[in-house]
Full PDB file with SEQRES, HELIX, SHEET, SSBOND, CRYST1, ORIGX, SCALE, CONECT and MASTER records, all heavy atoms in Angstrom:
SEQRES   1 A   30  GLY SER ARG TYR TYR ASP GLU SER VAL LYS GLY ARG PHE          
SEQRES   2 A   30  THR ILE SER LYS ASP ASN ALA LYS LYS THR VAL TYR LEU          
SEQRES   3 A   30  GLN MET ASN ASN                                              
SHEET    1 AA1 2 PHE A  13  ASP A  18  0                                        
SHEET    2 AA1 2 THR A  23  MET A  28 -1                                        
CRYST1    1.000    1.000    1.000  90.00  90.00  90.00 P 1           1          
ORIGX1      1.000000  0.000000  0.000000        0.00000                         
ORIGX2      0.000000  1.000000  0.000000        0.00000                         
ORIGX3      0.000000  0.000000  1.000000        0.00000                         
SCALE1      1.000000  0.000000  0.000000        0.00000                         
SCALE2      0.000000  1.000000  0.000000        0.00000                         
SCALE3      0.000000  0.000000  1.000000        0.00000                         
ATOM      1  N   GLY A   1    -189.582 -37.106-208.333  1.00  0.00           N  
ATOM      2  CA  GLY A   1    -189.926 -36.525-209.600  1.00  0.00           C  
ATOM      3  C   GLY A   1    -190.037 -37.502-210.800  1.00  0.00           C  
ATOM      4  O   GLY A   1    -189.256 -37.542-211.755  1.00  0.00           O  
ATOM      5  N   SER A   2    -191.030 -38.430-210.703  1.00  0.00           N  
ATOM      6  CA  SER A   2    -191.391 -39.125-211.901  1.00  0.00           C  
ATOM      7  C   SER A   2    -191.888 -38.268-212.971  1.00  0.00           C  
ATOM      8  O   SER A   2    -192.475 -37.194-212.611  1.00  0.00           O  
ATOM      9  CB  SER A   2    -192.339 -40.270-211.518  1.00  0.00           C  
ATOM     10  OG  SER A   2    -193.592 -39.721-211.053  1.00  0.00           O  
ATOM     11  N   ARG A   3    -191.852 -38.640-214.198  1.00  0.00           N  
ATOM     12  CA  ARG A   3    -192.096 -37.809-215.352  1.00  0.00           C  
ATOM     13  C   ARG A   3    -193.039 -38.319-216.287  1.00  0.00           C  
ATOM     14  O   ARG A   3    -193.174 -39.596-216.505  1.00  0.00           O  
ATOM     15  CB  ARG A   3    -190.775 -37.432-216.023  1.00  0.00           C  
ATOM     16  CG  ARG A   3    -189.835 -36.538-215.149  1.00  0.00           C  
ATOM     17  CD  ARG A   3    -188.430 -36.741-215.726  1.00  0.00           C  
ATOM     18  NE  ARG A   3    -187.429 -35.754-215.075  1.00  0.00           N  
ATOM     19  CZ  ARG A   3    -186.801 -36.006-213.917  1.00  0.00           C  
ATOM     20  NH1 ARG A   3    -187.112 -37.132-213.280  1.00  0.00           N  
ATOM     21  NH2 ARG A   3    -186.070 -35.146-213.330  1.00  0.00           N  
ATOM     22  N   TYR A   4    -193.850 -37.437-216.935  1.00  0.00           N  
ATOM     23  CA  TYR A   4    -194.692 -37.824-218.012  1.00  0.00           C  
ATOM     24  C   TYR A   4    -194.572 -36.801-219.196  1.00  0.00           C  
ATOM     25  O   TYR A   4    -194.337 -35.683-218.997  1.00  0.00           O  
ATOM     26  CB  TYR A   4    -196.164 -37.784-217.571  1.00  0.00           C  
ATOM     27  CG  TYR A   4    -197.135 -37.879-218.752  1.00  0.00           C  
ATOM     28  CD1 TYR A   4    -197.505 -39.033-219.260  1.00  0.00           C  
ATOM     29  CD2 TYR A   4    -197.667 -36.751-219.183  1.00  0.00           C  
ATOM     30  CE1 TYR A   4    -198.347 -39.194-220.330  1.00  0.00           C  
ATOM     31  CE2 TYR A   4    -198.554 -36.701-220.230  1.00  0.00           C  
ATOM     32  CZ  TYR A   4    -198.860 -37.927-220.819  1.00  0.00           C  
ATOM     33  OH  TYR A   4    -199.794 -38.029-221.917  1.00  0.00           O  
ATOM     34  N   TYR A   5    -194.611 -37.352-220.381  1.00  0.00           N  
ATOM     35  CA  TYR A   5    -194.549 -36.490-221.601  1.00  0.00           C  
ATOM     36  C   TYR A   5    -195.713 -36.921-222.536  1.00  0.00           C  
ATOM     37  O   TYR A   5    -196.069 -38.177-222.765  1.00  0.00           O  
ATOM     38  CB  TYR A   5    -193.235 -36.755-222.323  1.00  0.00           C  
ATOM     39  CG  TYR A   5    -192.015 -36.344-221.472  1.00  0.00           C  
ATOM     40  CD1 TYR A   5    -191.330 -37.340-220.818  1.00  0.00           C  
ATOM     41  CD2 TYR A   5    -191.579 -35.027-221.487  1.00  0.00           C  
ATOM     42  CE1 TYR A   5    -190.221 -36.928-220.086  1.00  0.00           C  
ATOM     43  CE2 TYR A   5    -190.428 -34.774-220.721  1.00  0.00           C  
ATOM     44  CZ  TYR A   5    -189.770 -35.691-220.049  1.00  0.00           C  
ATOM     45  OH  TYR A   5    -188.637 -35.299-219.300  1.00  0.00           O  
ATOM     46  N   ASP A   6    -196.321 -35.907-223.108  1.00  0.00           N  
ATOM     47  CA  ASP A   6    -197.227 -36.155-224.137  1.00  0.00           C  
ATOM     48  C   ASP A   6    -196.500 -36.758-225.361  1.00  0.00           C  
ATOM     49  O   ASP A   6    -195.281 -36.437-225.613  1.00  0.00           O  
ATOM     50  CB  ASP A   6    -197.978 -34.922-224.561  1.00  0.00           C  
ATOM     51  CG  ASP A   6    -199.052 -35.128-225.661  1.00  0.00           C  
ATOM     52  OD1 ASP A   6    -200.136 -35.555-225.280  1.00  0.00           O  
ATOM     53  OD2 ASP A   6    -198.745 -34.860-226.778  1.00  0.00           O  
ATOM     54  N   GLU A   7    -197.161 -37.672-226.115  1.00  0.00           N  
ATOM     55  CA  GLU A   7    -196.506 -38.255-227.243  1.00  0.00           C  
ATOM     56  C   GLU A   7    -196.006 -37.300-228.298  1.00  0.00           C  
ATOM     57  O   GLU A   7    -194.929 -37.498-228.940  1.00  0.00           O  
ATOM     58  CB  GLU A   7    -197.430 -39.128-227.970  1.00  0.00           C  
ATOM     59  CG  GLU A   7    -197.756 -40.491-227.171  1.00  0.00           C  
ATOM     60  CD  GLU A   7    -196.518 -41.397-226.932  1.00  0.00           C  
ATOM     61  OE1 GLU A   7    -195.641 -41.417-227.888  1.00  0.00           O  
ATOM     62  OE2 GLU A   7    -196.415 -41.991-225.928  1.00  0.00           O  
ATOM     63  N   SER A   8    -196.591 -36.099-228.344  1.00  0.00           N  
ATOM     64  CA  SER A   8    -196.177 -35.075-229.367  1.00  0.00           C  
ATOM     65  C   SER A   8    -194.811 -34.478-229.125  1.00  0.00           C  
ATOM     66  O   SER A   8    -194.174 -33.928-229.959  1.00  0.00           O  
ATOM     67  CB  SER A   8    -197.238 -34.112-229.425  1.00  0.00           C  
ATOM     68  OG  SER A   8    -197.322 -33.282-228.276  1.00  0.00           O  
ATOM     69  N   VAL A   9    -194.273 -34.623-227.820  1.00  0.00           N  
ATOM     70  CA  VAL A   9    -193.052 -34.033-227.430  1.00  0.00           C  
ATOM     71  C   VAL A   9    -192.065 -35.093-226.961  1.00  0.00           C  
ATOM     72  O   VAL A   9    -190.943 -34.656-226.694  1.00  0.00           O  
ATOM     73  CB  VAL A   9    -193.278 -32.912-226.407  1.00  0.00           C  
ATOM     74  CG1 VAL A   9    -194.258 -31.867-226.912  1.00  0.00           C  
ATOM     75  CG2 VAL A   9    -193.728 -33.495-225.129  1.00  0.00           C  
ATOM     76  N   LYS A  10    -192.471 -36.208-226.751  1.00  0.00           N  
ATOM     77  CA  LYS A  10    -191.641 -37.307-226.247  1.00  0.00           C  
ATOM     78  C   LYS A  10    -190.316 -37.391-227.080  1.00  0.00           C  
ATOM     79  O   LYS A  10    -190.423 -37.479-228.315  1.00  0.00           O  
ATOM     80  CB  LYS A  10    -192.305 -38.624-226.098  1.00  0.00           C  
ATOM     81  CG  LYS A  10    -191.587 -39.661-225.339  1.00  0.00           C  
ATOM     82  CD  LYS A  10    -192.451 -40.977-225.172  1.00  0.00           C  
ATOM     83  CE  LYS A  10    -193.629 -40.626-224.309  1.00  0.00           C  
ATOM     84  NZ  LYS A  10    -194.441 -41.853-224.152  1.00  0.00           N  
ATOM     85  N   GLY A  11    -189.172 -37.408-226.433  1.00  0.00           N  
ATOM     86  CA  GLY A  11    -187.890 -37.502-227.136  1.00  0.00           C  
ATOM     87  C   GLY A  11    -187.434 -36.137-227.535  1.00  0.00           C  
ATOM     88  O   GLY A  11    -186.168 -36.059-227.934  1.00  0.00           O  
ATOM     89  N   ARG A  12    -188.139 -35.062-227.478  1.00  0.00           N  
ATOM     90  CA  ARG A  12    -187.693 -33.793-227.867  1.00  0.00           C  
ATOM     91  C   ARG A  12    -187.698 -32.822-226.596  1.00  0.00           C  
ATOM     92  O   ARG A  12    -186.792 -31.976-226.535  1.00  0.00           O  
ATOM     93  CB  ARG A  12    -188.595 -33.168-228.910  1.00  0.00           C  
ATOM     94  CG  ARG A  12    -188.672 -33.874-230.114  1.00  0.00           C  
ATOM     95  CD  ARG A  12    -189.320 -33.155-231.260  1.00  0.00           C  
ATOM     96  NE  ARG A  12    -190.827 -32.923-230.941  1.00  0.00           N  
ATOM     97  CZ  ARG A  12    -191.365 -31.676-230.735  1.00  0.00           C  
ATOM     98  NH1 ARG A  12    -190.599 -30.616-230.939  1.00  0.00           N  
ATOM     99  NH2 ARG A  12    -192.664 -31.504-230.455  1.00  0.00           N  
ATOM    100  N   PHE A  13    -188.617 -32.958-225.638  1.00  0.00           N  
ATOM    101  CA  PHE A  13    -188.762 -32.135-224.531  1.00  0.00           C  
ATOM    102  C   PHE A  13    -188.247 -32.862-223.284  1.00  0.00           C  
ATOM    103  O   PHE A  13    -188.495 -34.078-223.177  1.00  0.00           O  
ATOM    104  CB  PHE A  13    -190.144 -31.646-224.274  1.00  0.00           C  
ATOM    105  CG  PHE A  13    -190.588 -30.698-225.273  1.00  0.00           C  
ATOM    106  CD1 PHE A  13    -190.003 -30.401-226.405  1.00  0.00           C  
ATOM    107  CD2 PHE A  13    -191.811 -30.017-225.021  1.00  0.00           C  
ATOM    108  CE1 PHE A  13    -190.461 -29.535-227.432  1.00  0.00           C  
ATOM    109  CE2 PHE A  13    -192.340 -29.041-225.937  1.00  0.00           C  
ATOM    110  CZ  PHE A  13    -191.590 -28.836-227.220  1.00  0.00           C  
ATOM    111  N   THR A  14    -187.706 -32.203-222.396  1.00  0.00           N  
ATOM    112  CA  THR A  14    -187.265 -32.837-221.127  1.00  0.00           C  
ATOM    113  C   THR A  14    -187.736 -31.939-219.923  1.00  0.00           C  
ATOM    114  O   THR A  14    -187.351 -30.693-219.928  1.00  0.00           O  
ATOM    115  CB  THR A  14    -185.727 -33.080-221.009  1.00  0.00           C  
ATOM    116  OG1 THR A  14    -185.315 -33.830-222.111  1.00  0.00           O  
ATOM    117  CG2 THR A  14    -185.273 -33.739-219.717  1.00  0.00           C  
ATOM    118  N   ILE A  15    -188.404 -32.463-218.986  1.00  0.00           N  
ATOM    119  CA  ILE A  15    -188.752 -31.721-217.745  1.00  0.00           C  
ATOM    120  C   ILE A  15    -187.811 -32.074-216.645  1.00  0.00           C  
ATOM    121  O   ILE A  15    -187.448 -33.274-216.526  1.00  0.00           O  
ATOM    122  CB  ILE A  15    -190.215 -32.040-217.401  1.00  0.00           C  
ATOM    123  CG1 ILE A  15    -190.642 -31.000-216.307  1.00  0.00           C  
ATOM    124  CG2 ILE A  15    -190.473 -33.494-216.954  1.00  0.00           C  
ATOM    125  CD1 ILE A  15    -192.245 -31.089-216.068  1.00  0.00           C  
ATOM    126  N   SER A  16    -187.483 -31.141-215.858  1.00  0.00           N  
ATOM    127  CA  SER A  16    -186.546 -31.345-214.678  1.00  0.00           C  
ATOM    128  C   SER A  16    -186.902 -30.309-213.628  1.00  0.00           C  
ATOM    129  O   SER A  16    -187.709 -29.368-213.903  1.00  0.00           O  
ATOM    130  CB  SER A  16    -185.138 -31.289-215.098  1.00  0.00           C  
ATOM    131  OG  SER A  16    -184.817 -30.006-215.565  1.00  0.00           O  
ATOM    132  N   LYS A  17    -186.289 -30.462-212.546  1.00  0.00           N  
ATOM    133  CA  LYS A  17    -186.519 -29.549-211.435  1.00  0.00           C  
ATOM    134  C   LYS A  17    -185.364 -29.439-210.524  1.00  0.00           C  
ATOM    135  O   LYS A  17    -184.502 -30.331-210.382  1.00  0.00           O  
ATOM    136  CB  LYS A  17    -187.807 -29.843-210.574  1.00  0.00           C  
ATOM    137  CG  LYS A  17    -187.764 -31.115-209.881  1.00  0.00           C  
ATOM    138  CD  LYS A  17    -189.002 -31.388-209.078  1.00  0.00           C  
ATOM    139  CE  LYS A  17    -189.003 -32.643-208.269  1.00  0.00           C  
ATOM    140  NZ  LYS A  17    -190.173 -32.821-207.424  1.00  0.00           N  
ATOM    141  N   ASP A  18    -185.296 -28.285-209.852  1.00  0.00           N  
ATOM    142  CA  ASP A  18    -184.282 -27.978-208.827  1.00  0.00           C  
ATOM    143  C   ASP A  18    -185.115 -27.692-207.543  1.00  0.00           C  
ATOM    144  O   ASP A  18    -185.673 -26.581-207.464  1.00  0.00           O  
ATOM    145  CB  ASP A  18    -183.420 -26.853-209.196  1.00  0.00           C  
ATOM    146  CG  ASP A  18    -182.267 -26.571-208.246  1.00  0.00           C  
ATOM    147  OD1 ASP A  18    -182.507 -26.838-207.009  1.00  0.00           O  
ATOM    148  OD2 ASP A  18    -181.199 -26.280-208.621  1.00  0.00           O  
ATOM    149  N   ASN A  19    -185.303 -28.601-206.634  1.00  0.00           N  
ATOM    150  CA  ASN A  19    -186.007 -28.465-205.498  1.00  0.00           C  
ATOM    151  C   ASN A  19    -185.575 -27.210-204.606  1.00  0.00           C  
ATOM    152  O   ASN A  19    -186.418 -26.550-204.018  1.00  0.00           O  
ATOM    153  CB  ASN A  19    -186.080 -29.754-204.659  1.00  0.00           C  
ATOM    154  CG  ASN A  19    -186.961 -30.806-205.247  1.00  0.00           C  
ATOM    155  OD1 ASN A  19    -187.530 -30.649-206.278  1.00  0.00           O  
ATOM    156  ND2 ASN A  19    -186.964 -31.936-204.639  1.00  0.00           N  
ATOM    157  N   ALA A  20    -184.193 -27.060-204.469  1.00  0.00           N  
ATOM    158  CA  ALA A  20    -183.734 -26.042-203.647  1.00  0.00           C  
ATOM    159  C   ALA A  20    -184.080 -24.667-204.213  1.00  0.00           C  
ATOM    160  O   ALA A  20    -184.344 -23.727-203.537  1.00  0.00           O  
ATOM    161  CB  ALA A  20    -182.183 -26.188-203.593  1.00  0.00           C  
ATOM    162  N   LYS A  21    -184.038 -24.522-205.568  1.00  0.00           N  
ATOM    163  CA  LYS A  21    -184.436 -23.312-206.231  1.00  0.00           C  
ATOM    164  C   LYS A  21    -185.879 -23.144-206.395  1.00  0.00           C  
ATOM    165  O   LYS A  21    -186.401 -22.089-206.954  1.00  0.00           O  
ATOM    166  CB  LYS A  21    -183.735 -23.140-207.559  1.00  0.00           C  
ATOM    167  CG  LYS A  21    -182.081 -23.048-207.472  1.00  0.00           C  
ATOM    168  CD  LYS A  21    -181.509 -22.909-208.903  1.00  0.00           C  
ATOM    169  CE  LYS A  21    -180.004 -22.794-208.694  1.00  0.00           C  
ATOM    170  NZ  LYS A  21    -179.374 -22.619-210.061  1.00  0.00           N  
ATOM    171  N   LYS A  22    -186.706 -24.228-206.159  1.00  0.00           N  
ATOM    172  CA  LYS A  22    -188.103 -24.122-206.366  1.00  0.00           C  
ATOM    173  C   LYS A  22    -188.503 -23.784-207.806  1.00  0.00           C  
ATOM    174  O   LYS A  22    -189.398 -23.135-207.967  1.00  0.00           O  
ATOM    175  CB  LYS A  22    -188.766 -23.144-205.336  1.00  0.00           C  
ATOM    176  CG  LYS A  22    -188.515 -23.510-203.909  1.00  0.00           C  
ATOM    177  CD  LYS A  22    -189.279 -22.517-202.985  1.00  0.00           C  
ATOM    178  CE  LYS A  22    -189.090 -22.823-201.574  1.00  0.00           C  
ATOM    179  NZ  LYS A  22    -189.643 -24.115-201.125  1.00  0.00           N  
ATOM    180  N   THR A  23    -187.709 -24.438-208.745  1.00  0.00           N  
ATOM    181  CA  THR A  23    -187.862 -24.119-210.086  1.00  0.00           C  
ATOM    182  C   THR A  23    -187.955 -25.343-210.914  1.00  0.00           C  
ATOM    183  O   THR A  23    -187.234 -26.335-210.712  1.00  0.00           O  
ATOM    184  CB  THR A  23    -186.732 -23.235-210.624  1.00  0.00           C  
ATOM    185  OG1 THR A  23    -186.662 -21.989-209.921  1.00  0.00           O  
ATOM    186  CG2 THR A  23    -186.901 -22.914-212.061  1.00  0.00           C  
ATOM    187  N   VAL A  24    -188.858 -25.422-211.900  1.00  0.00           N  
ATOM    188  CA  VAL A  24    -189.086 -26.578-212.785  1.00  0.00           C  
ATOM    189  C   VAL A  24    -188.709 -26.001-214.171  1.00  0.00           C  
ATOM    190  O   VAL A  24    -189.121 -24.857-214.562  1.00  0.00           O  
ATOM    191  CB  VAL A  24    -190.555 -27.042-212.761  1.00  0.00           C  
ATOM    192  CG1 VAL A  24    -190.679 -28.152-213.708  1.00  0.00           C  
ATOM    193  CG2 VAL A  24    -190.803 -27.566-211.322  1.00  0.00           C  
ATOM    194  N   TYR A  25    -188.141 -26.784-214.931  1.00  0.00           N  
ATOM    195  CA  TYR A  25    -187.585 -26.468-216.261  1.00  0.00           C  
ATOM    196  C   TYR A  25    -188.276 -27.304-217.320  1.00  0.00           C  
ATOM    197  O   TYR A  25    -188.549 -28.554-217.053  1.00  0.00           O  
ATOM    198  CB  TYR A  25    -186.100 -26.622-216.341  1.00  0.00           C  
ATOM    199  CG  TYR A  25    -185.318 -25.850-215.296  1.00  0.00           C  
ATOM    200  CD1 TYR A  25    -184.903 -26.467-214.142  1.00  0.00           C  
ATOM    201  CD2 TYR A  25    -185.057 -24.497-215.477  1.00  0.00           C  
ATOM    202  CE1 TYR A  25    -184.241 -25.827-213.215  1.00  0.00           C  
ATOM    203  CE2 TYR A  25    -184.349 -23.807-214.489  1.00  0.00           C  
ATOM    204  CZ  TYR A  25    -183.937 -24.391-213.325  1.00  0.00           C  
ATOM    205  OH  TYR A  25    -183.197 -23.753-212.364  1.00  0.00           O  
ATOM    206  N   LEU A  26    -188.441 -26.840-218.487  1.00  0.00           N  
ATOM    207  CA  LEU A  26    -188.842 -27.571-219.701  1.00  0.00           C  
ATOM    208  C   LEU A  26    -187.822 -27.221-220.786  1.00  0.00           C  
ATOM    209  O   LEU A  26    -187.829 -26.195-221.390  1.00  0.00           O  
ATOM    210  CB  LEU A  26    -190.254 -27.236-220.085  1.00  0.00           C  
ATOM    211  CG  LEU A  26    -190.802 -28.112-221.278  1.00  0.00           C  
ATOM    212  CD1 LEU A  26    -190.981 -29.600-220.818  1.00  0.00           C  
ATOM    213  CD2 LEU A  26    -192.070 -27.517-221.789  1.00  0.00           C  
ATOM    214  N   GLN A  27    -186.933 -28.239-221.058  1.00  0.00           N  
ATOM    215  CA  GLN A  27    -186.027 -28.103-222.173  1.00  0.00           C  
ATOM    216  C   GLN A  27    -186.650 -28.578-223.378  1.00  0.00           C  
ATOM    217  O   GLN A  27    -187.055 -29.748-223.455  1.00  0.00           O  
ATOM    218  CB  GLN A  27    -184.740 -28.862-221.878  1.00  0.00           C  
ATOM    219  CG  GLN A  27    -183.617 -28.813-223.005  1.00  0.00           C  
ATOM    220  CD  GLN A  27    -183.027 -27.475-223.122  1.00  0.00           C  
ATOM    221  OE1 GLN A  27    -182.607 -26.916-222.103  1.00  0.00           O  
ATOM    222  NE2 GLN A  27    -182.947 -27.016-224.391  1.00  0.00           N  
ATOM    223  N   MET A  28    -186.779 -27.716-224.380  1.00  0.00           N  
ATOM    224  CA  MET A  28    -187.402 -27.949-225.699  1.00  0.00           C  
ATOM    225  C   MET A  28    -186.303 -28.073-226.811  1.00  0.00           C  
ATOM    226  O   MET A  28    -185.779 -26.909-227.130  1.00  0.00           O  
ATOM    227  CB  MET A  28    -188.485 -26.930-225.888  1.00  0.00           C  
ATOM    228  CG  MET A  28    -189.535 -26.815-224.769  1.00  0.00           C  
ATOM    229  SD  MET A  28    -190.880 -25.748-225.227  1.00  0.00           S  
ATOM    230  CE  MET A  28    -190.026 -24.196-225.455  1.00  0.00           C  
ATOM    231  N   ASN A  29    -186.159 -29.165-227.398  1.00  0.00           N  
ATOM    232  CA  ASN A  29    -185.178 -29.349-228.443  1.00  0.00           C  
ATOM    233  C   ASN A  29    -185.916 -29.663-229.681  1.00  0.00           C  
ATOM    234  O   ASN A  29    -187.043 -30.239-229.721  1.00  0.00           O  
ATOM    235  CB  ASN A  29    -184.177 -30.353-228.111  1.00  0.00           C  
ATOM    236  CG  ASN A  29    -183.321 -29.960-226.884  1.00  0.00           C  
ATOM    237  OD1 ASN A  29    -183.076 -28.897-226.723  1.00  0.00           O  
ATOM    238  ND2 ASN A  29    -182.864 -31.064-226.208  1.00  0.00           N  
ATOM    239  N   ASN A  30    -185.324 -29.408-230.817  1.00  0.00           N  
ATOM    240  CA  ASN A  30    -185.911 -29.782-232.128  1.00  0.00           C  
ATOM    241  C   ASN A  30    -187.338 -29.225-232.297  1.00  0.00           C  
ATOM    242  O   ASN A  30    -188.219 -29.981-232.575  1.00  0.00           O  
ATOM    243  CB  ASN A  30    -185.770 -31.293-232.416  1.00  0.00           C  
ATOM    244  CG  ASN A  30    -186.196 -31.628-233.858  1.00  0.00           C  
ATOM    245  OD1 ASN A  30    -185.955 -30.905-234.712  1.00  0.00           O  
ATOM    246  ND2 ASN A  30    -186.597 -32.845-234.039  1.00  0.00           N  
TER     247      ASN A  30                                                      
MASTER        0    0    0    0    2    0    0    6  246    1    0    3          
END                                                                             
């Protein structure tokens, strides 16, 4: 799970995943 962020959201958004749950998350702050 290497990650990429657009500059407009870098530092505010975080992408993560749970392979067992087959779910990807996008935590959006600020």
